């Protein structure tokens, strides 16, 4: 038995540099994946800004997880207001700008009550602007985890 232990110990000692390299390799892989995630998020944010539609993304509870400048312009929300806040806040939509704010709010409540459903409506602002308001669920592995809202100017 002692001879067997003596045989195993040198083998472990001989392999230890390779084992350390494996750990270093795992750290490098983790670092690479983290960098890719940062780059992907940056690309997603840049892409979001290229859309002519106003885009808002919320989690399942209605907290803001993303938006583009066009969305802020449509709702007349100063970007400085958003940038001064930390993520996960609900955007302050001034529904008083709408001709029928109660109807709009009912539709929002319906969307969150039916997270798997898509939604389409037309909203009219008091200043005469009209937008198609389209919403669909964001899904991960078939489960609704949030919503994407899109506003497109019409008329």
Protein backbone atom coordinates (compact mmCIF):
# COMPACT_ATOMS: atom_id res chain seq x y z
CA UNK A 1 0.00 0.00 0.00
CA UNK A 2 2.84 2.40 0.88
CA UNK A 3 4.48 1.65 -2.45
CA UNK A 4 1.21 2.41 -4.23
CA UNK A 5 0.95 5.81 -2.44
CA UNK A 6 4.54 6.61 -3.35
CA UNK A 7 3.74 5.84 -6.97
CA UNK A 8 0.60 8.02 -7.00
CA UNK A 9 2.19 11.06 -5.35
CA UNK A 10 4.91 11.58 -8.02
CA UNK A 11 2.27 11.18 -10.71
CA UNK A 12 0.12 13.91 -9.11
CA UNK A 13 3.18 16.12 -8.81
CA UNK A 14 4.03 15.54 -12.46
CA UNK A 15 0.47 16.38 -13.53
CA UNK A 16 0.06 19.47 -11.34
CA UNK A 17 1.48 21.91 -13.96
CA UNK A 18 -1.09 20.62 -16.43
CA UNK A 19 -3.87 20.89 -13.87
CA UNK A 20 -2.90 24.50 -13.16
CA UNK A 21 -2.89 25.22 -16.87
CA UNK A 22 -6.38 23.80 -17.04
CA UNK A 23 -7.49 26.19 -14.28
CA UNK A 24 -5.79 29.10 -16.10
CA UNK A 25 -7.51 27.99 -19.28
CA UNK A 26 -10.89 28.02 -17.51
CA UNK A 27 -10.19 31.53 -16.19
CA UNK A 28 -9.27 32.68 -19.70
CA UNK A 29 -12.43 31.12 -21.12
CA UNK A 30 -14.56 32.80 -18.44
CA UNK A 31 -12.86 36.12 -19.16
CA UNK A 32 -13.40 35.66 -22.90
CA UNK A 33 -17.09 34.84 -22.40
CA UNK A 34 -17.56 37.87 -20.13
CA UNK A 35 -15.94 40.10 -22.76
CA UNK A 36 -18.17 38.63 -25.47
CA UNK A 37 -21.23 39.34 -23.31
CA UNK A 38 -20.16 42.98 -22.86
CA UNK A 39 -19.57 43.31 -26.61
CA UNK A 40 -22.92 41.69 -27.44
CA UNK A 41 -24.79 44.02 -25.07
CA UNK A 42 -23.03 47.01 -26.61
CA UNK A 43 -23.94 45.83 -30.11
CA UNK A 44 -27.56 45.28 -29.04
CA UNK A 45 -27.76 48.82 -27.61
CA UNK A 46 -26.26 50.29 -30.78
CA UNK A 47 -28.62 48.29 -32.98
CA UNK A 48 -31.62 49.38 -30.92
CA UNK A 49 -30.77 53.03 -31.64
CA UNK A 50 -30.92 52.46 -35.42
CA UNK A 51 -34.64 51.67 -35.47
CA UNK A 52 -37.01 54.40 -36.65
CA UNK A 53 -39.72 52.92 -34.44
CA UNK A 54 -39.82 53.77 -30.76
CA UNK A 55 -38.78 50.63 -28.88
CA UNK A 56 -39.26 49.78 -25.20
CA UNK A 57 -38.33 46.50 -23.53
CA UNK A 58 -39.68 45.55 -20.12
CA UNK A 59 -39.31 42.60 -17.83
CA UNK A 60 -42.34 40.54 -16.81
CA UNK A 61 -43.11 43.06 -14.03
CA UNK A 62 -43.03 46.10 -16.31
CA UNK A 63 -39.60 47.38 -15.29
CA UNK A 64 -37.64 48.96 -18.11
CA UNK A 65 -34.73 46.90 -19.39
CA UNK A 66 -34.11 48.75 -22.66
CA UNK A 67 -35.35 51.51 -24.95
CA UNK A 68 -34.17 53.63 -27.81
CA UNK A 69 -33.98 57.41 -28.23
CA UNK A 70 -36.94 57.41 -30.60
CA UNK A 71 -39.16 56.03 -27.83
CA UNK A 72 -38.06 58.86 -25.56
CA UNK A 73 -38.74 61.41 -28.33
CA UNK A 74 -42.26 60.09 -28.93
CA UNK A 75 -43.14 60.31 -25.24
CA UNK A 76 -41.17 63.55 -24.72
CA UNK A 77 -39.08 62.02 -21.95
CA UNK A 78 -35.75 63.82 -21.48
CA UNK A 79 -32.88 61.38 -21.90
CA UNK A 80 -31.17 63.08 -18.98
CA UNK A 81 -34.03 61.87 -16.77
CA UNK A 82 -33.38 58.26 -17.77
CA UNK A 83 -29.58 58.50 -17.67
CA UNK A 84 -29.72 59.94 -14.16
CA UNK A 85 -31.56 56.84 -12.98
CA UNK A 86 -30.25 53.33 -12.57
CA UNK A 87 -31.66 50.47 -14.65
CA UNK A 88 -34.85 48.65 -13.77
CA UNK A 89 -37.09 51.67 -13.33
CA UNK A 90 -40.43 52.12 -14.99
CA UNK A 91 -40.32 54.89 -17.57
CA UNK A 92 -42.52 57.86 -16.68
CA UNK A 93 -45.00 57.78 -19.54
CA UNK A 94 -47.15 60.90 -19.46
CA UNK A 95 -50.43 59.31 -20.53
CA UNK A 96 -52.03 62.74 -20.18
CA UNK A 97 -50.57 63.39 -23.66
CA UNK A 98 -53.01 60.83 -25.09
CA UNK A 99 -56.56 61.43 -26.30
CA UNK A 100 -57.75 58.33 -24.44
CA UNK A 101 -55.32 57.57 -21.59
CA UNK A 102 -57.71 55.19 -19.80
CA UNK A 103 -57.99 52.96 -22.86
CA UNK A 104 -54.20 52.94 -23.23
CA UNK A 105 -53.69 51.96 -19.58
CA UNK A 106 -56.30 49.18 -19.87
CA UNK A 107 -54.42 47.79 -22.86
CA UNK A 108 -51.13 47.83 -20.93
CA UNK A 109 -52.76 45.97 -18.03
CA UNK A 110 -54.21 43.42 -20.49
CA UNK A 111 -50.76 42.83 -21.98
CA UNK A 112 -49.23 42.05 -18.61
CA UNK A 113 -52.23 39.92 -17.62
CA UNK A 114 -51.76 37.85 -20.80
CA UNK A 115 -47.95 37.66 -21.08
CA UNK A 116 -47.99 35.15 -23.95
CA UNK A 117 -50.23 37.27 -26.19
CA UNK A 118 -49.25 39.77 -28.84
CA UNK A 119 -51.01 43.11 -28.85
CA UNK A 120 -51.77 45.75 -31.46
CA UNK A 121 -53.48 49.10 -31.09
CA UNK A 122 -53.42 52.64 -32.41
CA UNK A 123 -52.76 55.42 -29.95
CA UNK A 124 -53.47 59.07 -30.59
CA UNK A 125 -51.77 61.96 -28.90
CA UNK A 126 -53.59 65.21 -28.19
CA UNK A 127 -51.15 67.04 -30.48
CA UNK A 128 -52.46 65.00 -33.44
CA UNK A 129 -49.71 62.37 -33.67
CA UNK A 130 -50.83 58.76 -34.24
CA UNK A 131 -48.83 55.61 -33.63
CA UNK A 132 -49.29 51.92 -34.15
CA UNK A 133 -48.54 50.36 -30.77
CA UNK A 134 -47.39 46.77 -31.15
CA UNK A 135 -46.28 44.51 -28.31
CA UNK A 136 -45.07 40.95 -28.19
CA UNK A 137 -43.66 38.75 -25.46
CA UNK A 138 -39.96 38.21 -25.02
CA UNK A 139 -39.47 34.50 -24.50
CA UNK A 140 -36.68 32.40 -23.08
CA UNK A 141 -37.07 28.68 -23.67
CA UNK A 142 -40.76 29.20 -24.45
CA UNK A 143 -41.50 31.12 -21.25
CA UNK A 144 -42.50 34.78 -21.33
CA UNK A 145 -39.89 36.83 -19.45
CA UNK A 146 -40.81 40.31 -20.63
CA UNK A 147 -42.30 42.39 -23.43
CA UNK A 148 -41.06 44.36 -26.38
CA UNK A 149 -43.13 47.41 -27.33
CA UNK A 150 -42.85 49.16 -30.67
CA UNK A 151 -44.39 52.46 -31.74
CA UNK A 152 -44.59 53.34 -35.43
CA UNK A 153 -45.81 56.72 -36.64
CA UNK A 154 -48.84 56.63 -38.95
CA UNK A 155 -50.91 59.25 -40.74
